[in-house]
């Protein structure tokens, strides 16, 4: 369930998000949401490197989109 609410964000945060969002092909709200999800994951898993957290989040989204294939060992 998506719940939209209005938030007051600093102009600096929004400007930073605009620049990164354009480079990452995201909307500004989606960029800020991504940063929030990354921050939450980092705080919940302080022992894991950021890159591992990012790669795990990406792989979960790829799996949701059906972009998976079986891995053959050996």
PDB file of N, CA and C in Angstrom:
ATOM      1  N   UNK A   1       0.831  -1.175   0.000  1.00  0.00           N
ATOM      2  CA  UNK A   1       0.000   0.000   0.000  1.00  0.00           C
ATOM      3  C   UNK A   1       0.877   1.240   0.000  1.00  0.00           C
ATOM      4  N   UNK A   2       0.706   2.108  -0.978  1.00  0.00           N
ATOM      5  CA  UNK A   2       1.452   3.362  -1.040  1.00  0.00           C
ATOM      6  C   UNK A   2       0.647   4.466  -0.381  1.00  0.00           C
ATOM      7  N   UNK A   3       1.304   5.202   0.481  1.00  0.00           N
ATOM      8  CA  UNK A   3       0.645   6.312   1.142  1.00  0.00           C
ATOM      9  C   UNK A   3       1.450   7.563   0.834  1.00  0.00           C
ATOM     10  N   UNK A   4       0.854   8.482   0.104  1.00  0.00           N
ATOM     11  CA  UNK A   4       1.527   9.728  -0.222  1.00  0.00           C
ATOM     12  C   UNK A   4       1.250  10.745   0.869  1.00  0.00           C
ATOM     13  N   UNK A   5       2.318  11.389   1.342  1.00  0.00           N
ATOM     14  CA  UNK A   5       2.174  12.462   2.312  1.00  0.00           C
ATOM     15  C   UNK A   5       3.100  13.597   1.915  1.00  0.00           C
ATOM     16  N   UNK A   6       2.747  14.781   2.300  1.00  0.00           N
ATOM     17  CA  UNK A   6       3.585  15.945   2.013  1.00  0.00           C
ATOM     18  C   UNK A   6       4.668  16.063   3.084  1.00  0.00           C
ATOM     19  N   UNK A   7       5.882  16.328   2.639  1.00  0.00           N
ATOM     20  CA  UNK A   7       7.005  16.513   3.557  1.00  0.00           C
ATOM     21  C   UNK A   7       7.690  17.826   3.247  1.00  0.00           C
ATOM     22  N   UNK A   8       8.199  18.467   4.264  1.00  0.00           N
ATOM     23  CA  UNK A   8       8.992  19.672   4.065  1.00  0.00           C
ATOM     24  C   UNK A   8      10.459  19.252   4.095  1.00  0.00           C
ATOM     25  N   UNK A   9      11.128  19.414   2.976  1.00  0.00           N
ATOM     26  CA  UNK A   9      12.539  19.038   2.852  1.00  0.00           C
ATOM     27  C   UNK A   9      13.366  20.287   2.594  1.00  0.00           C
ATOM     28  N   UNK A  10      14.611  20.243   2.990  1.00  0.00           N
ATOM     29  CA  UNK A  10      15.477  21.399   2.761  1.00  0.00           C
ATOM     30  C   UNK A  10      15.715  21.586   1.266  1.00  0.00           C
ATOM     31  N   UNK A  11      15.904  22.829   0.876  1.00  0.00           N
ATOM     32  CA  UNK A  11      16.196  23.134  -0.527  1.00  0.00           C
ATOM     33  C   UNK A  11      17.480  22.444  -0.967  1.00  0.00           C
ATOM     34  N   UNK A  12      18.456  22.384  -0.063  1.00  0.00           N
ATOM     35  CA  UNK A  12      19.740  21.751  -0.388  1.00  0.00           C
ATOM     36  C   UNK A  12      19.561  20.269  -0.713  1.00  0.00           C
ATOM     37  N   UNK A  13      18.762  19.560   0.086  1.00  0.00           N
ATOM     38  CA  UNK A  13      18.518  18.141  -0.166  1.00  0.00           C
ATOM     39  C   UNK A  13      17.824  17.953  -1.512  1.00  0.00           C
ATOM     40  N   UNK A  14      16.824  18.775  -1.792  1.00  0.00           N
ATOM     41  CA  UNK A  14      16.087  18.653  -3.053  1.00  0.00           C
ATOM     42  C   UNK A  14      17.003  18.947  -4.236  1.00  0.00           C
ATOM     43  N   UNK A  15      17.853  19.952  -4.125  1.00  0.00           N
ATOM     44  CA  UNK A  15      18.780  20.268  -5.216  1.00  0.00           C
ATOM     45  C   UNK A  15      19.781  19.135  -5.429  1.00  0.00           C
ATOM     46  N   UNK A  16      20.296  18.571  -4.344  1.00  0.00           N
ATOM     47  CA  UNK A  16      21.205  17.420  -4.463  1.00  0.00           C
ATOM     48  C   UNK A  16      20.490  16.248  -5.131  1.00  0.00           C
ATOM     49  N   UNK A  17      19.259  16.018  -4.729  1.00  0.00           N
ATOM     50  CA  UNK A  17      18.485  14.912  -5.297  1.00  0.00           C
ATOM     51  C   UNK A  17      18.208  15.130  -6.782  1.00  0.00           C
ATOM     52  N   UNK A  18      17.950  16.371  -7.182  1.00  0.00           N
ATOM     53  CA  UNK A  18      17.692  16.669  -8.600  1.00  0.00           C
ATOM     54  C   UNK A  18      18.881  16.266  -9.456  1.00  0.00           C
ATOM     55  N   UNK A  19      20.078  16.617  -9.008  1.00  0.00           N
ATOM     56  CA  UNK A  19      21.284  16.321  -9.782  1.00  0.00           C
ATOM     57  C   UNK A  19      21.501  14.812  -9.895  1.00  0.00           C
ATOM     58  N   UNK A  20      21.400  14.111  -8.782  1.00  0.00           N
ATOM     59  CA  UNK A  20      21.631  12.670  -8.792  1.00  0.00           C
ATOM     60  C   UNK A  20      20.498  11.950  -9.517  1.00  0.00           C
ATOM     61  N   UNK A  21      19.268  12.410  -9.311  1.00  0.00           N
ATOM     62  CA  UNK A  21      18.112  11.790  -9.968  1.00  0.00           C
ATOM     63  C   UNK A  21      18.245  11.842 -11.482  1.00  0.00           C
ATOM     64  N   UNK A  22      18.703  12.953 -11.998  1.00  0.00           N
ATOM     65  CA  UNK A  22      18.881  13.072 -13.445  1.00  0.00           C
ATOM     66  C   UNK A  22      19.918  12.067 -13.945  1.00  0.00           C
ATOM     67  N   UNK A  23      21.010  11.942 -13.212  1.00  0.00           N
ATOM     68  CA  UNK A  23      22.065  11.014 -13.618  1.00  0.00           C
ATOM     69  C   UNK A  23      21.619   9.561 -13.505  1.00  0.00           C
ATOM     70  N   UNK A  24      20.770   9.267 -12.528  1.00  0.00           N
ATOM     71  CA  UNK A  24      20.326   7.896 -12.273  1.00  0.00           C
ATOM     72  C   UNK A  24      18.998   7.561 -12.951  1.00  0.00           C
ATOM     73  N   UNK A  25      18.451   8.514 -13.702  1.00  0.00           N
ATOM     74  CA  UNK A  25      17.177   8.327 -14.417  1.00  0.00           C
ATOM     75  C   UNK A  25      16.035   7.998 -13.457  1.00  0.00           C
ATOM     76  N   UNK A  26      15.973   8.763 -12.366  1.00  0.00           N
ATOM     77  CA  UNK A  26      14.897   8.638 -11.389  1.00  0.00           C
ATOM     78  C   UNK A  26      14.227   9.993 -11.232  1.00  0.00           C
ATOM     79  N   UNK A  27      13.015   9.979 -10.709  1.00  0.00           N
ATOM     80  CA  UNK A  27      12.381  11.238 -10.325  1.00  0.00           C
ATOM     81  C   UNK A  27      13.010  11.693  -9.008  1.00  0.00           C
ATOM     82  N   UNK A  28      12.839  12.962  -8.684  1.00  0.00           N
ATOM     83  CA  UNK A  28      13.383  13.474  -7.426  1.00  0.00           C
ATOM     84  C   UNK A  28      12.779  12.729  -6.229  1.00  0.00           C
ATOM     85  N   UNK A  29      11.446  12.539  -6.174  1.00  0.00           N
ATOM     86  CA  UNK A  29      10.910  11.779  -5.036  1.00  0.00           C
ATOM     87  C   UNK A  29      11.462  10.350  -4.963  1.00  0.00           C
ATOM     88  N   UNK A  30      11.611   9.689  -6.101  1.00  0.00           N
ATOM     89  CA  UNK A  30      12.154   8.325  -6.093  1.00  0.00           C
ATOM     90  C   UNK A  30      13.614   8.319  -5.642  1.00  0.00           C
ATOM     91  N   UNK A  31      14.375   9.364  -5.996  1.00  0.00           N
ATOM     92  CA  UNK A  31      15.768   9.441  -5.557  1.00  0.00           C
ATOM     93  C   UNK A  31      15.838   9.574  -4.035  1.00  0.00           C
ATOM     94  N   UNK A  32      15.012  10.444  -3.481  1.00  0.00           N
ATOM     95  CA  UNK A  32      15.002  10.632  -2.030  1.00  0.00           C
ATOM     96  C   UNK A  32      14.532   9.356  -1.339  1.00  0.00           C
ATOM     97  N   UNK A  33      13.550   8.683  -1.915  1.00  0.00           N
ATOM     98  CA  UNK A  33      13.085   7.401  -1.371  1.00  0.00           C
ATOM     99  C   UNK A  33      14.213   6.368  -1.392  1.00  0.00           C
ATOM    100  N   UNK A  34      14.976   6.332  -2.486  1.00  0.00           N
ATOM    101  CA  UNK A  34      16.106   5.403  -2.586  1.00  0.00           C
ATOM    102  C   UNK A  34      17.134   5.698  -1.498  1.00  0.00           C
ATOM    103  N   UNK A  35      17.474   6.981  -1.329  1.00  0.00           N
ATOM    104  CA  UNK A  35      18.423   7.347  -0.281  1.00  0.00           C
ATOM    105  C   UNK A  35      17.911   6.914   1.095  1.00  0.00           C
ATOM    106  N   UNK A  36      16.621   7.068   1.321  1.00  0.00           N
ATOM    107  CA  UNK A  36      16.048   6.677   2.615  1.00  0.00           C
ATOM    108  C   UNK A  36      16.148   5.169   2.820  1.00  0.00           C
ATOM    109  N   UNK A  37      15.857   4.404   1.755  1.00  0.00           N
ATOM    110  CA  UNK A  37      15.946   2.942   1.872  1.00  0.00           C
ATOM    111  C   UNK A  37      17.383   2.501   2.126  1.00  0.00           C
ATOM    112  N   UNK A  38      18.338   3.108   1.425  1.00  0.00           N
ATOM    113  CA  UNK A  38      19.760   2.788   1.627  1.00  0.00           C
ATOM    114  C   UNK A  38      20.163   3.126   3.058  1.00  0.00           C
ATOM    115  N   UNK A  39      19.798   4.305   3.523  1.00  0.00           N
ATOM    116  CA  UNK A  39      20.140   4.721   4.883  1.00  0.00           C
ATOM    117  C   UNK A  39      19.565   3.779   5.921  1.00  0.00           C
ATOM    118  N   UNK A  40      18.320   3.380   5.745  1.00  0.00           N
ATOM    119  CA  UNK A  40      17.673   2.450   6.667  1.00  0.00           C
ATOM    120  C   UNK A  40      18.407   1.113   6.666  1.00  0.00           C
ATOM    121  N   UNK A  41      18.748   0.612   5.483  1.00  0.00           N
ATOM    122  CA  UNK A  41      19.452  -0.673   5.383  1.00  0.00           C
ATOM    123  C   UNK A  41      20.833  -0.595   6.026  1.00  0.00           C
ATOM    124  N   UNK A  42      21.520   0.514   5.852  1.00  0.00           N
ATOM    125  CA  UNK A  42      22.848   0.679   6.457  1.00  0.00           C
ATOM    126  C   UNK A  42      22.734   0.696   7.980  1.00  0.00           C
ATOM    127  N   UNK A  43      21.746   1.425   8.486  1.00  0.00           N
ATOM    128  CA  UNK A  43      21.573   1.482   9.939  1.00  0.00           C
ATOM    129  C   UNK A  43      21.183   0.124  10.524  1.00  0.00           C
ATOM    130  N   UNK A  44      20.409  -0.648   9.779  1.00  0.00           N
ATOM    131  CA  UNK A  44      19.989  -1.967  10.257  1.00  0.00           C
ATOM    132  C   UNK A  44      21.084  -3.018  10.110  1.00  0.00           C
ATOM    133  N   UNK A  45      22.084  -2.752   9.271  1.00  0.00           N
ATOM    134  CA  UNK A  45      23.154  -3.720   8.992  1.00  0.00           C
ATOM    135  C   UNK A  45      24.522  -3.037   9.033  1.00  0.00           C
ATOM    136  N   UNK A  46      24.915  -2.493  10.174  1.00  0.00           N
ATOM    137  CA  UNK A  46      26.162  -1.707  10.227  1.00  0.00           C
ATOM    138  C   UNK A  46      27.422  -2.515   9.922  1.00  0.00           C
ATOM    139  N   UNK A  47      27.318  -3.849  10.003  1.00  0.00           N
ATOM    140  CA  UNK A  47      28.495  -4.679   9.753  1.00  0.00           C
ATOM    141  C   UNK A  47      28.716  -4.946   8.264  1.00  0.00           C
ATOM    142  N   UNK A  48      27.741  -4.601   7.419  1.00  0.00           N
ATOM    143  CA  UNK A  48      27.851  -4.882   5.986  1.00  0.00           C
ATOM    144  C   UNK A  48      28.360  -3.669   5.215  1.00  0.00           C
ATOM    145  N   UNK A  49      29.188  -3.894   4.196  1.00  0.00           N
ATOM    146  CA  UNK A  49      29.646  -2.781   3.361  1.00  0.00           C
ATOM    147  C   UNK A  49      28.481  -2.218   2.534  1.00  0.00           C
ATOM    148  N   UNK A  50      28.534  -0.926   2.291  1.00  0.00           N
ATOM    149  CA  UNK A  50      27.496  -0.253   1.511  1.00  0.00           C
ATOM    150  C   UNK A  50      27.289  -0.920   0.161  1.00  0.00           C
ATOM    151  N   UNK A  51      28.358  -1.253  -0.532  1.00  0.00           N
ATOM    152  CA  UNK A  51      28.240  -1.855  -1.868  1.00  0.00           C
ATOM    153  C   UNK A  51      27.454  -3.157  -1.815  1.00  0.00           C
ATOM    154  N   UNK A  52      27.677  -3.969  -0.785  1.00  0.00           N
ATOM    155  CA  UNK A  52      26.932  -5.225  -0.647  1.00  0.00           C
ATOM    156  C   UNK A  52      25.442  -4.942  -0.441  1.00  0.00           C
ATOM    157  N   UNK A  53      25.142  -3.941   0.361  1.00  0.00           N
ATOM    158  CA  UNK A  53      23.740  -3.573   0.589  1.00  0.00           C
ATOM    159  C   UNK A  53      23.104  -3.105  -0.712  1.00  0.00           C
ATOM    160  N   UNK A  54      23.796  -2.249  -1.464  1.00  0.00           N
ATOM    161  CA  UNK A  54      23.271  -1.766  -2.742  1.00  0.00           C
ATOM    162  C   UNK A  54      23.058  -2.914  -3.720  1.00  0.00           C
ATOM    163  N   UNK A  55      24.034  -3.800  -3.826  1.00  0.00           N
ATOM    164  CA  UNK A  55      23.917  -4.935  -4.750  1.00  0.00           C
ATOM    165  C   UNK A  55      22.773  -5.866  -4.348  1.00  0.00           C
ATOM    166  N   UNK A  56      22.592  -6.054  -3.045  1.00  0.00           N
ATOM    167  CA  UNK A  56      21.498  -6.903  -2.568  1.00  0.00           C
ATOM    168  C   UNK A  56      20.152  -6.275  -2.903  1.00  0.00           C
ATOM    169  N   UNK A  57      20.027  -4.967  -2.685  1.00  0.00           N
ATOM    170  CA  UNK A  57      18.776  -4.280  -3.021  1.00  0.00           C
ATOM    171  C   UNK A  57      18.489  -4.372  -4.514  1.00  0.00           C
ATOM    172  N   UNK A  58      19.517  -4.231  -5.326  1.00  0.00           N
ATOM    173  CA  UNK A  58      19.351  -4.335  -6.779  1.00  0.00           C
ATOM    174  C   UNK A  58      18.920  -5.739  -7.167  1.00  0.00           C
ATOM    175  N   UNK A  59      19.544  -6.743  -6.581  1.00  0.00           N
ATOM    176  CA  UNK A  59      19.189  -8.119  -6.940  1.00  0.00           C
ATOM    177  C   UNK A  59      17.760  -8.451  -6.521  1.00  0.00           C
ATOM    178  N   UNK A  60      17.298  -7.912  -5.396  1.00  0.00           N
ATOM    179  CA  UNK A  60      15.906  -8.137  -4.984  1.00  0.00           C
ATOM    180  C   UNK A  60      14.937  -7.514  -5.980  1.00  0.00           C
ATOM    181  N   UNK A  61      15.242  -6.326  -6.482  1.00  0.00           N
ATOM    182  CA  UNK A  61      14.380  -5.677  -7.478  1.00  0.00           C
ATOM    183  C   UNK A  61      14.411  -6.433  -8.806  1.00  0.00           C
ATOM    184  N   UNK A  62      15.575  -6.935  -9.185  1.00  0.00           N
ATOM    185  CA  UNK A  62      15.673  -7.732 -10.416  1.00  0.00           C
ATOM    186  C   UNK A  62      14.844  -9.004 -10.290  1.00  0.00           C
ATOM    187  N   UNK A  63      14.884  -9.644  -9.123  1.00  0.00           N
ATOM    188  CA  UNK A  63      14.092 -10.862  -8.907  1.00  0.00           C
ATOM    189  C   UNK A  63      12.604 -10.555  -8.987  1.00  0.00           C
ATOM    190  N   UNK A  64      12.174  -9.428  -8.394  1.00  0.00           N
ATOM    191  CA  UNK A  64      10.766  -9.023  -8.472  1.00  0.00           C
ATOM    192  C   UNK A  64      10.328  -8.815  -9.915  1.00  0.00           C
ATOM    193  N   UNK A  65      11.254  -8.325 -10.740  1.00  0.00           N
ATOM    194  CA  UNK A  65      10.948  -8.051 -12.142  1.00  0.00           C
ATOM    195  C   UNK A  65      11.080  -9.300 -13.013  1.00  0.00           C
ATOM    196  N   UNK A  66      11.435 -10.425 -12.416  1.00  0.00           N
ATOM    197  CA  UNK A  66      11.564 -11.668 -13.167  1.00  0.00           C
ATOM    198  C   UNK A  66      12.867 -11.800 -13.937  1.00  0.00           C
ATOM    199  N   UNK A  67      13.840 -10.975 -13.621  1.00  0.00           N
ATOM    200  CA  UNK A  67      15.130 -11.008 -14.307  1.00  0.00           C
ATOM    201  C   UNK A  67      16.112 -11.886 -13.537  1.00  0.00           C
ATOM    202  N   UNK A  68      15.796 -13.173 -13.474  1.00  0.00           N
ATOM    203  CA  UNK A  68      16.654 -14.133 -12.759  1.00  0.00           C
ATOM    204  C   UNK A  68      16.912 -15.328 -13.649  1.00  0.00           C
ATOM    205  N   UNK A  69      17.996 -16.007 -13.387  1.00  0.00           N
ATOM    206  CA  UNK A  69      18.303 -17.249 -14.090  1.00  0.00           C
ATOM    207  C   UNK A  69      18.999 -18.182 -13.108  1.00  0.00           C
ATOM    208  N   UNK A  70      18.893 -19.454 -13.361  1.00  0.00           N
ATOM    209  CA  UNK A  70      19.499 -20.448 -12.494  1.00  0.00           C
ATOM    210  C   UNK A  70      21.015 -20.386 -12.605  1.00  0.00           C
ATOM    211  N   UNK A  71      21.684 -20.559 -11.495  1.00  0.00           N
ATOM    212  CA  UNK A  71      23.139 -20.590 -11.471  1.00  0.00           C
ATOM    213  C   UNK A  71      23.584 -22.046 -11.438  1.00  0.00           C
ATOM    214  N   UNK A  72      24.520 -22.386 -12.325  1.00  0.00           N
ATOM    215  CA  UNK A  72      25.048 -23.748 -12.373  1.00  0.00           C
ATOM    216  C   UNK A  72      26.455 -23.744 -11.761  1.00  0.00           C
ATOM    217  N   UNK A  73      26.630 -24.528 -10.719  1.00  0.00           N
ATOM    218  CA  UNK A  73      27.935 -24.634 -10.083  1.00  0.00           C
ATOM    219  C   UNK A  73      28.843 -25.546 -10.888  1.00  0.00           C
ATOM    220  N   UNK A  74      30.132 -25.195 -10.899  1.00  0.00           N
ATOM    221  CA  UNK A  74      31.108 -26.087 -11.521  1.00  0.00           C
ATOM    222  C   UNK A  74      31.381 -25.780 -12.875  1.00  0.00           C
TER     223      UNK A  74
END
